[in-house]
Amino acid sequence: MYNMILIDGKATAQAIRNELKEKVQQLESSGKVPGLVTIIVGDNPASQLYVNMKSKACIEIGMKSKIERLDESITEEELLRLVERYNNDNDYHGILVQLPIPKHINEDKVIETISVLKDVDGFHPVSTGNLMIGKETFFPCTPYGIVELLKRYNIETKGKHVVVVGRSNIVGKPIANMMLQKKEHANSIVTVCHSAAEDLSQYTRQADILIAAIGRANFINADMVKDGVVVIDVGINRIDDADAPKGFRVVGDVDFENVSKKASHITPVPKGVGPMTIAMLLVNTYEAFTKIEKIS
């Protein structure tokens, strides 16, 4: 059994917020601070919760925050016009359209309409292309948070075998591309595996660093990892639990209780990767502000 180190995403995210708060306070005398507008279409409860959390985080560190709450019946043309309006609004340096959006609106078209300079979610095809070829860009917030955790916990990545379970555009693909770049806190050998694999454990057991992002509760078990592995659990899954106050509890994609006995480092769920996602959104918004306002 390893002397396992718990990777505390909640504490790390708070440290990042505190650092940003200091930077924003230094800007206040100039009369200009970073601004983020979040656009939400419809009344999906989970989306409403996320949007409120993002807005609250902005306000806590002194950033300007605005939420545009739109009816589900809004047309694609109206939504695109609103995005264009904020592209040209000098008070807002980041634009985030909360996904998912109603099916009658083309999600790709909305993402492509957001100015690349204000693409703080890192989903624009230009941002994605720049990430792929190693140019400066906005990184998607969850993968960015993973890299920041590895960095702040001094986990060696150079030459290490990173195995990513999952291939989504939001986590799997971008984190794989980020980890293989010839850069500090990356430069890894990367394997991406997914549901098409006949035996996932054949790959996961090779991982020095295992990143699980598949959305299946407790899927990665102790037999699927080697001793000393670093485990980053991106999963957020609700499972029924009659003993829990809400009748359910939140678990990750990794069987934490048993995998943690073999791991050198592991993120918990909750309080692991989740809080980092919002922290890195704030970082991206601050970076957008410095570029747009030409502040070094």
C-alpha atoms as a PDB file:
ATOM      1  CA  MET A   1       0.000   0.000   0.000  1.00  0.00           C
ATOM      2  CA  TYR A   2       1.253   3.460  -0.950  1.00  0.00           C
ATOM      3  CA  ASN A   3       1.390   6.493   1.283  1.00  0.00           C
ATOM      4  CA  MET A   4      -1.325   8.008  -0.894  1.00  0.00           C
ATOM      5  CA  ILE A   5      -1.513  11.778  -1.391  1.00  0.00           C
ATOM      6  CA  LEU A   6      -4.999  13.195  -1.851  1.00  0.00           C
ATOM      7  CA  ILE A   7      -5.095  15.821  -4.617  1.00  0.00           C
ATOM      8  CA  ASP A   8      -7.320  18.501  -3.108  1.00  0.00           C
ATOM      9  CA  GLY A   9      -8.987  20.295  -6.004  1.00  0.00           C
ATOM     10  CA  LYS A  10     -11.141  22.431  -3.758  1.00  0.00           C
ATOM     11  CA  ALA A  11      -8.162  23.899  -1.875  1.00  0.00           C
ATOM     12  CA  THR A  12      -6.148  24.343  -5.086  1.00  0.00           C
ATOM     13  CA  ALA A  13      -9.063  26.106  -6.789  1.00  0.00           C
ATOM     14  CA  GLN A  14      -9.406  28.429  -3.808  1.00  0.00           C
ATOM     15  CA  ALA A  15      -5.703  29.260  -3.982  1.00  0.00           C
ATOM     16  CA  ILE A  16      -6.099  30.159  -7.676  1.00  0.00           C
ATOM     17  CA  ARG A  17      -9.122  32.337  -6.885  1.00  0.00           C
ATOM     18  CA  ASN A  18      -7.167  34.129  -4.182  1.00  0.00           C
ATOM     19  CA  GLU A  19      -4.297  34.793  -6.612  1.00  0.00           C
ATOM     20  CA  LEU A  20      -6.725  36.174  -9.194  1.00  0.00           C
ATOM     21  CA  LYS A  21      -8.515  38.304  -6.612  1.00  0.00           C
ATOM     22  CA  GLU A  22      -5.239  40.062  -5.817  1.00  0.00           C
ATOM     23  CA  LYS A  23      -4.605  40.716  -9.517  1.00  0.00           C
ATOM     24  CA  VAL A  24      -8.125  42.057 -10.053  1.00  0.00           C
ATOM     25  CA  GLN A  25      -7.841  44.334  -6.994  1.00  0.00           C
ATOM     26  CA  GLN A  26      -4.710  45.869  -8.520  1.00  0.00           C
ATOM     27  CA  LEU A  27      -6.706  46.642 -11.659  1.00  0.00           C
ATOM     28  CA  GLU A  28      -9.613  48.376  -9.905  1.00  0.00           C
ATOM     29  CA  SER A  29      -7.852  51.726  -9.712  1.00  0.00           C
ATOM     30  CA  SER A  30      -7.729  51.785 -13.532  1.00  0.00           C
ATOM     31  CA  GLY A  31     -11.522  51.538 -13.600  1.00  0.00           C
ATOM     32  CA  LYS A  32     -11.452  48.427 -15.793  1.00  0.00           C
ATOM     33  CA  VAL A  33     -11.834  44.844 -14.593  1.00  0.00           C
ATOM     34  CA  PRO A  34     -12.376  41.540 -16.427  1.00  0.00           C
ATOM     35  CA  GLY A  35     -15.978  40.772 -17.360  1.00  0.00           C
ATOM     36  CA  LEU A  36     -17.698  37.473 -18.171  1.00  0.00           C
ATOM     37  CA  VAL A  37     -21.129  37.098 -19.729  1.00  0.00           C
ATOM     38  CA  THR A  38     -22.834  33.718 -19.505  1.00  0.00           C
ATOM     39  CA  ILE A  39     -25.712  32.950 -21.842  1.00  0.00           C
ATOM     40  CA  ILE A  40     -28.165  30.227 -20.860  1.00  0.00           C
ATOM     41  CA  VAL A  41     -31.070  29.029 -22.997  1.00  0.00           C
ATOM     42  CA  GLY A  42     -33.964  27.259 -21.278  1.00  0.00           C
ATOM     43  CA  ASP A  43     -34.375  26.157 -17.679  1.00  0.00           C
ATOM     44  CA  ASN A  44     -32.275  22.996 -17.341  1.00  0.00           C
ATOM     45  CA  PRO A  45     -31.751  22.783 -13.526  1.00  0.00           C
ATOM     46  CA  ALA A  46     -28.141  21.531 -13.755  1.00  0.00           C
ATOM     47  CA  SER A  47     -27.255  24.281 -16.233  1.00  0.00           C
ATOM     48  CA  GLN A  48     -28.886  26.916 -14.020  1.00  0.00           C
ATOM     49  CA  LEU A  49     -26.827  25.667 -11.062  1.00  0.00           C
ATOM     50  CA  TYR A  50     -23.556  25.768 -13.034  1.00  0.00           C
ATOM     51  CA  VAL A  51     -24.281  29.252 -14.383  1.00  0.00           C
ATOM     52  CA  ASN A  52     -25.027  30.597 -10.908  1.00  0.00           C
ATOM     53  CA  MET A  53     -21.823  29.046  -9.529  1.00  0.00           C
ATOM     54  CA  LYS A  54     -19.749  30.629 -12.310  1.00  0.00           C
ATOM     55  CA  SER A  55     -21.320  34.041 -11.751  1.00  0.00           C
ATOM     56  CA  LYS A  56     -20.822  33.847  -7.996  1.00  0.00           C
ATOM     57  CA  ALA A  57     -17.149  32.899  -8.461  1.00  0.00           C
ATOM     58  CA  CYS A  58     -16.609  35.941 -10.719  1.00  0.00           C
ATOM     59  CA  ILE A  59     -18.204  38.323  -8.248  1.00  0.00           C
ATOM     60  CA  GLU A  60     -16.213  36.884  -5.319  1.00  0.00           C
ATOM     61  CA  ILE A  61     -12.894  37.826  -6.950  1.00  0.00           C
ATOM     62  CA  GLY A  62     -14.056  41.228  -8.193  1.00  0.00           C
ATOM     63  CA  MET A  63     -14.793  40.407 -11.821  1.00  0.00           C
ATOM     64  CA  LYS A  64     -17.846  41.739 -13.617  1.00  0.00           C
ATOM     65  CA  SER A  65     -20.472  39.071 -14.237  1.00  0.00           C
ATOM     66  CA  LYS A  66     -23.680  39.046 -16.246  1.00  0.00           C
ATOM     67  CA  ILE A  67     -26.125  36.225 -16.931  1.00  0.00           C
ATOM     68  CA  GLU A  68     -28.358  36.357 -20.007  1.00  0.00           C
ATOM     69  CA  ARG A  69     -31.274  33.992 -19.310  1.00  0.00           C
ATOM     70  CA  LEU A  70     -33.115  33.216 -22.547  1.00  0.00           C
ATOM     71  CA  ASP A  71     -36.354  31.414 -23.206  1.00  0.00           C
ATOM     72  CA  GLU A  72     -36.093  27.990 -24.828  1.00  0.00           C
ATOM     73  CA  SER A  73     -38.137  29.276 -27.765  1.00  0.00           C
ATOM     74  CA  ILE A  74     -35.469  31.784 -28.854  1.00  0.00           C
ATOM     75  CA  THR A  75     -34.471  31.426 -32.488  1.00  0.00           C
ATOM     76  CA  GLU A  76     -30.973  30.567 -33.639  1.00  0.00           C
ATOM     77  CA  GLU A  77     -30.733  33.923 -35.394  1.00  0.00           C
ATOM     78  CA  GLU A  78     -31.645  35.814 -32.194  1.00  0.00           C
ATOM     79  CA  LEU A  79     -29.063  33.889 -30.177  1.00  0.00           C
ATOM     80  CA  LEU A  80     -26.335  34.504 -32.765  1.00  0.00           C
ATOM     81  CA  ARG A  81     -27.176  38.227 -32.785  1.00  0.00           C
ATOM     82  CA  LEU A  82     -26.813  38.332 -28.991  1.00  0.00           C
ATOM     83  CA  VAL A  83     -23.429  36.607 -29.168  1.00  0.00           C
ATOM     84  CA  GLU A  84     -22.290  39.116 -31.809  1.00  0.00           C
ATOM     85  CA  ARG A  85     -23.427  41.959 -29.560  1.00  0.00           C
ATOM     86  CA  TYR A  86     -21.165  40.725 -26.770  1.00  0.00           C
ATOM     87  CA  ASN A  87     -18.313  40.156 -29.223  1.00  0.00           C
ATOM     88  CA  ASN A  88     -18.385  43.939 -29.632  1.00  0.00           C
ATOM     89  CA  ASP A  89     -19.070  44.845 -25.987  1.00  0.00           C
ATOM     90  CA  ASN A  90     -15.873  46.206 -24.404  1.00  0.00           C
ATOM     91  CA  ASP A  91     -17.089  45.520 -20.849  1.00  0.00           C
ATOM     92  CA  TYR A  92     -17.091  41.748 -21.349  1.00  0.00           C
ATOM     93  CA  HIS A  93     -13.884  39.894 -22.165  1.00  0.00           C
ATOM     94  CA  GLY A  94     -15.251  36.371 -21.942  1.00  0.00           C
ATOM     95  CA  ILE A  95     -18.386  34.886 -23.505  1.00  0.00           C
ATOM     96  CA  LEU A  96     -19.711  31.530 -22.391  1.00  0.00           C
ATOM     97  CA  VAL A  97     -22.786  29.843 -23.848  1.00  0.00           C
ATOM     98  CA  GLN A  98     -23.897  27.193 -21.363  1.00  0.00           C
ATOM     99  CA  LEU A  99     -24.344  23.804 -23.024  1.00  0.00           C
ATOM    100  CA  PRO A 100     -26.494  21.945 -23.847  1.00  0.00           C
ATOM    101  CA  ILE A 101     -28.717  24.261 -25.883  1.00  0.00           C
ATOM    102  CA  PRO A 102     -32.102  23.362 -27.458  1.00  0.00           C
ATOM    103  CA  LYS A 103     -31.952  21.055 -30.472  1.00  0.00           C
ATOM    104  CA  HIS A 104     -33.418  23.595 -32.896  1.00  0.00           C
ATOM    105  CA  ILE A 105     -30.228  25.684 -32.505  1.00  0.00           C
ATOM    106  CA  ASN A 106     -26.987  24.566 -34.173  1.00  0.00           C
ATOM    107  CA  GLU A 107     -24.456  24.267 -31.335  1.00  0.00           C
ATOM    108  CA  ASP A 108     -21.454  24.388 -33.677  1.00  0.00           C
ATOM    109  CA  LYS A 109     -22.688  27.593 -35.275  1.00  0.00           C
ATOM    110  CA  VAL A 110     -23.093  29.249 -31.868  1.00  0.00           C
ATOM    111  CA  ILE A 111     -19.594  28.236 -30.740  1.00  0.00           C
ATOM    112  CA  GLU A 112     -18.087  29.429 -34.031  1.00  0.00           C
ATOM    113  CA  THR A 113     -19.826  32.812 -33.664  1.00  0.00           C
ATOM    114  CA  ILE A 114     -18.088  33.559 -30.347  1.00  0.00           C
ATOM    115  CA  SER A 115     -15.026  35.745 -30.922  1.00  0.00           C
ATOM    116  CA  VAL A 116     -11.818  33.703 -30.614  1.00  0.00           C
ATOM    117  CA  LEU A 117     -10.517  36.512 -28.364  1.00  0.00           C
ATOM    118  CA  LYS A 118     -13.400  35.879 -25.933  1.00  0.00           C
ATOM    119  CA  ASP A 119     -13.625  32.070 -26.214  1.00  0.00           C
ATOM    120  CA  VAL A 120     -12.988  31.379 -22.521  1.00  0.00           C
ATOM    121  CA  ASP A 121     -14.507  27.887 -22.785  1.00  0.00           C
ATOM    122  CA  GLY A 122     -11.827  26.970 -25.343  1.00  0.00           C
ATOM    123  CA  PHE A 123     -14.337  25.278 -27.660  1.00  0.00           C
ATOM    124  CA  HIS A 124     -13.962  27.413 -30.808  1.00  0.00           C
ATOM    125  CA  PRO A 125     -12.438  25.430 -33.721  1.00  0.00           C
ATOM    126  CA  VAL A 126      -9.577  27.960 -33.910  1.00  0.00           C
ATOM    127  CA  SER A 127      -8.816  27.462 -30.194  1.00  0.00           C
ATOM    128  CA  THR A 128      -9.004  23.701 -30.691  1.00  0.00           C
ATOM    129  CA  GLY A 129      -6.676  23.872 -33.692  1.00  0.00           C
ATOM    130  CA  ASN A 130      -4.168  26.023 -31.832  1.00  0.00           C
ATOM    131  CA  LEU A 131      -4.216  23.556 -28.927  1.00  0.00           C
ATOM    132  CA  MET A 132      -3.549  20.693 -31.342  1.00  0.00           C
ATOM    133  CA  ILE A 133      -0.464  22.307 -32.889  1.00  0.00           C
ATOM    134  CA  GLY A 134       0.871  23.708 -29.616  1.00  0.00           C
ATOM    135  CA  LYS A 135       0.197  27.408 -30.158  1.00  0.00           C
ATOM    136  CA  GLU A 136      -0.976  29.816 -27.469  1.00  0.00           C
ATOM    137  CA  THR A 137      -4.722  29.500 -26.993  1.00  0.00           C
ATOM    138  CA  PHE A 138      -7.554  29.182 -24.490  1.00  0.00           C
ATOM    139  CA  PHE A 139      -7.598  25.664 -23.061  1.00  0.00           C
ATOM    140  CA  PRO A 140     -10.940  24.008 -22.208  1.00  0.00           C
ATOM    141  CA  CYS A 141     -11.408  24.558 -18.492  1.00  0.00           C
ATOM    142  CA  THR A 142     -11.577  20.980 -17.184  1.00  0.00           C
ATOM    143  CA  PRO A 143      -8.428  19.741 -18.973  1.00  0.00           C
ATOM    144  CA  TYR A 144      -6.693  22.992 -18.003  1.00  0.00           C
ATOM    145  CA  GLY A 145      -7.621  22.264 -14.388  1.00  0.00           C
ATOM    146  CA  ILE A 146      -6.159  18.763 -14.627  1.00  0.00           C
ATOM    147  CA  VAL A 147      -2.830  20.099 -15.917  1.00  0.00           C
ATOM    148  CA  GLU A 148      -2.785  22.716 -13.162  1.00  0.00           C
ATOM    149  CA  LEU A 149      -3.338  20.048 -10.483  1.00  0.00           C
ATOM    150  CA  LEU A 150      -0.469  17.940 -11.844  1.00  0.00           C
ATOM    151  CA  LYS A 151       1.709  21.050 -11.887  1.00  0.00           C
ATOM    152  CA  ARG A 152       0.869  22.236  -8.374  1.00  0.00           C
ATOM    153  CA  TYR A 153       1.357  18.761  -6.888  1.00  0.00           C
ATOM    154  CA  ASN A 154       4.768  18.472  -8.602  1.00  0.00           C
ATOM    155  CA  ILE A 155       3.781  15.286 -10.423  1.00  0.00           C
ATOM    156  CA  GLU A 156       6.337  14.382 -13.077  1.00  0.00           C
ATOM    157  CA  THR A 157       4.787  14.141 -16.534  1.00  0.00           C
ATOM    158  CA  LYS A 158       7.807  14.092 -18.868  1.00  0.00           C
ATOM    159  CA  GLY A 159       8.101  10.667 -20.460  1.00  0.00           C
ATOM    160  CA  LYS A 160       5.305   9.278 -18.284  1.00  0.00           C
ATOM    161  CA  HIS A 161       2.550   7.158 -19.786  1.00  0.00           C
ATOM    162  CA  VAL A 162      -0.745   9.039 -19.541  1.00  0.00           C
ATOM    163  CA  VAL A 163      -3.809   6.925 -20.267  1.00  0.00           C
ATOM    164  CA  VAL A 164      -7.024   8.835 -20.937  1.00  0.00           C
ATOM    165  CA  VAL A 165     -10.267   6.890 -20.683  1.00  0.00           C
ATOM    166  CA  GLY A 166     -12.816   8.821 -22.740  1.00  0.00           C
ATOM    167  CA  ARG A 167     -12.688  10.798 -25.982  1.00  0.00           C
ATOM    168  CA  SER A 168     -15.124  13.682 -25.555  1.00  0.00           C
ATOM    169  CA  ASN A 169     -14.422  17.067 -27.119  1.00  0.00           C
ATOM    170  CA  ILE A 170     -14.716  18.647 -23.660  1.00  0.00           C
ATOM    171  CA  VAL A 171     -12.217  16.479 -21.736  1.00  0.00           C
ATOM    172  CA  GLY A 172     -10.771  13.390 -23.421  1.00  0.00           C
ATOM    173  CA  LYS A 173      -9.469  14.793 -26.708  1.00  0.00           C
ATOM    174  CA  PRO A 174      -8.135  18.107 -25.346  1.00  0.00           C
ATOM    175  CA  ILE A 175      -6.362  16.621 -22.311  1.00  0.00           C
ATOM    176  CA  ALA A 176      -4.699  14.023 -24.557  1.00  0.00           C
ATOM    177  CA  ASN A 177      -3.445  16.775 -26.855  1.00  0.00           C
ATOM    178  CA  MET A 178      -2.287  18.948 -23.961  1.00  0.00           C
ATOM    179  CA  MET A 179      -0.321  16.137 -22.318  1.00  0.00           C
ATOM    180  CA  LEU A 180       1.582  15.167 -25.477  1.00  0.00           C
ATOM    181  CA  GLN A 181       2.828  18.699 -26.255  1.00  0.00           C
ATOM    182  CA  LYS A 182       6.569  19.177 -25.929  1.00  0.00           C
ATOM    183  CA  LYS A 183       6.157  21.550 -22.998  1.00  0.00           C
ATOM    184  CA  GLU A 184       6.752  21.723 -19.279  1.00  0.00           C
ATOM    185  CA  HIS A 185       4.113  19.839 -17.243  1.00  0.00           C
ATOM    186  CA  ALA A 186       3.351  17.729 -20.326  1.00  0.00           C
ATOM    187  CA  ASN A 187       5.694  15.914 -22.763  1.00  0.00           C
ATOM    188  CA  SER A 188       4.024  12.603 -21.946  1.00  0.00           C
ATOM    189  CA  ILE A 189       3.408   9.406 -23.892  1.00  0.00           C
ATOM    190  CA  VAL A 190      -0.355   9.380 -24.340  1.00  0.00           C
ATOM    191  CA  THR A 191      -2.873   6.616 -24.962  1.00  0.00           C
ATOM    192  CA  VAL A 192      -6.553   7.389 -25.486  1.00  0.00           C
ATOM    193  CA  CYS A 193      -8.886   4.465 -24.901  1.00  0.00           C
ATOM    194  CA  HIS A 194     -12.655   4.231 -25.022  1.00  0.00           C
ATOM    195  CA  SER A 195     -15.681   1.965 -25.361  1.00  0.00           C
ATOM    196  CA  ALA A 196     -14.422   0.334 -28.570  1.00  0.00           C
ATOM    197  CA  ALA A 197     -11.615  -1.409 -26.637  1.00  0.00           C
ATOM    198  CA  GLU A 198     -12.312  -5.097 -25.991  1.00  0.00           C
ATOM    199  CA  ASP A 199     -10.367  -4.979 -22.730  1.00  0.00           C
ATOM    200  CA  LEU A 200      -9.837  -1.500 -21.272  1.00  0.00           C
ATOM    201  CA  SER A 201      -7.764  -2.849 -18.386  1.00  0.00           C
ATOM    202  CA  GLN A 202      -5.074  -3.874 -20.902  1.00  0.00           C
ATOM    203  CA  TYR A 203      -4.418  -0.133 -21.307  1.00  0.00           C
ATOM    204  CA  THR A 204      -5.288   1.254 -17.886  1.00  0.00           C
ATOM    205  CA  ARG A 205      -2.817  -1.075 -16.150  1.00  0.00           C
ATOM    206  CA  GLN A 206       0.002   0.550 -18.139  1.00  0.00           C
ATOM    207  CA  ALA A 207      -0.813   4.053 -16.899  1.00  0.00           C
ATOM    208  CA  ASP A 208       1.595   6.096 -14.823  1.00  0.00           C
ATOM    209  CA  ILE A 209      -1.120   8.767 -14.843  1.00  0.00           C
ATOM    210  CA  LEU A 210      -4.716   7.641 -15.414  1.00  0.00           C
ATOM    211  CA  ILE A 211      -7.351  10.213 -16.390  1.00  0.00           C
ATOM    212  CA  ALA A 212     -10.884   8.800 -16.195  1.00  0.00           C
ATOM    213  CA  ALA A 213     -13.594  10.734 -18.026  1.00  0.00           C
ATOM    214  CA  ILE A 214     -16.259   8.293 -19.167  1.00  0.00           C
ATOM    215  CA  GLY A 215     -19.281   9.042 -16.989  1.00  0.00           C
ATOM    216  CA  ARG A 216     -19.685   5.540 -15.526  1.00  0.00           C
ATOM    217  CA  ALA A 217     -19.875   5.317 -11.756  1.00  0.00           C
ATOM    218  CA  ASN A 218     -17.006   3.453 -10.046  1.00  0.00           C
ATOM    219  CA  PHE A 219     -16.010   1.877 -13.373  1.00  0.00           C
ATOM    220  CA  ILE A 220     -12.225   1.876 -12.811  1.00  0.00           C
ATOM    221  CA  ASN A 221     -11.481  -0.710 -10.130  1.00  0.00           C
ATOM    222  CA  ALA A 222      -8.298  -1.701  -8.309  1.00  0.00           C
ATOM    223  CA  ASP A 223      -7.552  -4.575 -10.715  1.00  0.00           C
ATOM    224  CA  MET A 224      -7.390  -2.057 -13.594  1.00  0.00           C
ATOM    225  CA  VAL A 225      -4.475   0.004 -12.203  1.00  0.00           C
ATOM    226  CA  LYS A 226      -0.868  -0.616 -11.249  1.00  0.00           C
ATOM    227  CA  ASP A 227       0.766   0.243  -7.944  1.00  0.00           C
ATOM    228  CA  GLY A 228       1.868   3.871  -7.651  1.00  0.00           C
ATOM    229  CA  VAL A 229      -0.486   5.213 -10.304  1.00  0.00           C
ATOM    230  CA  VAL A 230      -1.594   8.860 -10.280  1.00  0.00           C
ATOM    231  CA  VAL A 231      -5.380   8.924 -10.705  1.00  0.00           C
ATOM    232  CA  ILE A 232      -7.351  11.927 -11.966  1.00  0.00           C
ATOM    233  CA  ASP A 233     -11.082  11.213 -11.745  1.00  0.00           C
ATOM    234  CA  VAL A 234     -13.184  13.561 -13.875  1.00  0.00           C
ATOM    235  CA  GLY A 235     -16.448  11.645 -13.453  1.00  0.00           C
ATOM    236  CA  ILE A 236     -19.480  13.084 -11.679  1.00  0.00           C
ATOM    237  CA  ASN A 237     -22.169  10.429 -11.292  1.00  0.00           C
ATOM    238  CA  ARG A 238     -25.225  10.294  -9.057  1.00  0.00           C
ATOM    239  CA  ILE A 239     -25.998   6.951  -7.467  1.00  0.00           C
ATOM    240  CA  ASP A 240     -28.967   6.124  -5.259  1.00  0.00           C
ATOM    241  CA  ASP A 241     -28.210   6.003  -1.549  1.00  0.00           C
ATOM    242  CA  ALA A 242     -31.109   5.708   0.870  1.00  0.00           C
ATOM    243  CA  ASP A 243     -28.829   6.741   3.760  1.00  0.00           C
ATOM    244  CA  ALA A 244     -27.792  10.016   2.116  1.00  0.00           C
ATOM    245  CA  PRO A 245     -29.791  13.167   3.036  1.00  0.00           C
ATOM    246  CA  LYS A 246     -30.800  13.760  -0.611  1.00  0.00           C
ATOM    247  CA  GLY A 247     -31.363  10.087  -1.412  1.00  0.00           C
ATOM    248  CA  PHE A 248     -28.272   9.963  -3.620  1.00  0.00           C
ATOM    249  CA  ARG A 249     -24.565  10.603  -3.466  1.00  0.00           C
ATOM    250  CA  VAL A 250     -22.042  11.748  -6.036  1.00  0.00           C
ATOM    251  CA  VAL A 251     -19.214   9.422  -7.046  1.00  0.00           C
ATOM    252  CA  GLY A 252     -16.569   9.454  -9.748  1.00  0.00           C
ATOM    253  CA  ASP A 253     -15.637   7.057 -12.525  1.00  0.00           C
ATOM    254  CA  VAL A 254     -13.099   5.456 -10.172  1.00  0.00           C
ATOM    255  CA  ASP A 255     -13.765   3.098  -7.243  1.00  0.00           C
ATOM    256  CA  PHE A 256     -12.030   5.489  -4.864  1.00  0.00           C
ATOM    257  CA  GLU A 257     -12.049   3.260  -1.782  1.00  0.00           C
ATOM    258  CA  ASN A 258     -10.102   0.436  -3.417  1.00  0.00           C
ATOM    259  CA  VAL A 259      -8.083   2.249  -6.098  1.00  0.00           C
ATOM    260  CA  SER A 260      -6.751   4.739  -3.531  1.00  0.00           C
ATOM    261  CA  LYS A 261      -4.991   1.844  -1.775  1.00  0.00           C
ATOM    262  CA  LYS A 262      -2.768   1.384  -4.845  1.00  0.00           C
ATOM    263  CA  ALA A 263      -2.424   5.005  -5.954  1.00  0.00           C
ATOM    264  CA  SER A 264       0.410   7.420  -5.136  1.00  0.00           C
ATOM    265  CA  HIS A 265      -1.929  10.387  -5.819  1.00  0.00           C
ATOM    266  CA  ILE A 266      -5.687  10.510  -6.427  1.00  0.00           C
ATOM    267  CA  THR A 267      -8.424  13.124  -6.788  1.00  0.00           C
ATOM    268  CA  PRO A 268     -11.597  12.670  -4.751  1.00  0.00           C
ATOM    269  CA  VAL A 269     -15.134  13.155  -6.056  1.00  0.00           C
ATOM    270  CA  PRO A 270     -16.476  15.621  -5.127  1.00  0.00           C
ATOM    271  CA  LYS A 271     -13.806  18.265  -4.320  1.00  0.00           C
ATOM    272  CA  GLY A 272     -11.355  17.064  -6.953  1.00  0.00           C
ATOM    273  CA  VAL A 273     -11.404  18.181 -10.585  1.00  0.00           C
ATOM    274  CA  GLY A 274     -14.835  19.870 -10.362  1.00  0.00           C
ATOM    275  CA  PRO A 275     -13.811  23.036  -8.471  1.00  0.00           C
ATOM    276  CA  MET A 276     -10.826  23.440 -10.809  1.00  0.00           C
ATOM    277  CA  THR A 277     -13.077  23.824 -13.841  1.00  0.00           C
ATOM    278  CA  ILE A 278     -14.571  27.082 -12.569  1.00  0.00           C
ATOM    279  CA  ALA A 279     -11.186  28.313 -11.294  1.00  0.00           C
ATOM    280  CA  MET A 280      -9.662  27.877 -14.769  1.00  0.00           C
ATOM    281  CA  LEU A 281     -12.645  29.637 -16.364  1.00  0.00           C
ATOM    282  CA  LEU A 282     -11.714  32.634 -14.204  1.00  0.00           C
ATOM    283  CA  VAL A 283      -8.071  32.277 -15.295  1.00  0.00           C
ATOM    284  CA  ASN A 284      -9.132  32.232 -18.961  1.00  0.00           C
ATOM    285  CA  THR A 285     -11.326  35.303 -18.431  1.00  0.00           C
ATOM    286  CA  TYR A 286      -8.447  37.172 -16.812  1.00  0.00           C
ATOM    287  CA  GLU A 287      -6.127  36.134 -19.671  1.00  0.00           C
ATOM    288  CA  ALA A 288      -8.703  37.325 -22.222  1.00  0.00           C
ATOM    289  CA  PHE A 289      -8.881  40.655 -20.400  1.00  0.00           C
ATOM    290  CA  THR A 290      -5.098  41.158 -20.452  1.00  0.00           C
ATOM    291  CA  LYS A 291      -4.920  40.410 -24.193  1.00  0.00           C
ATOM    292  CA  ILE A 292      -7.923  42.527 -25.207  1.00  0.00           C
ATOM    293  CA  GLU A 293      -6.893  45.447 -22.989  1.00  0.00           C
ATOM    294  CA  LYS A 294      -3.221  44.927 -23.893  1.00  0.00           C
ATOM    295  CA  ILE A 295      -2.084  44.682 -20.264  1.00  0.00           C
ATOM    296  CA  SER A 296       1.230  42.893 -19.764  1.00  0.00           C
END
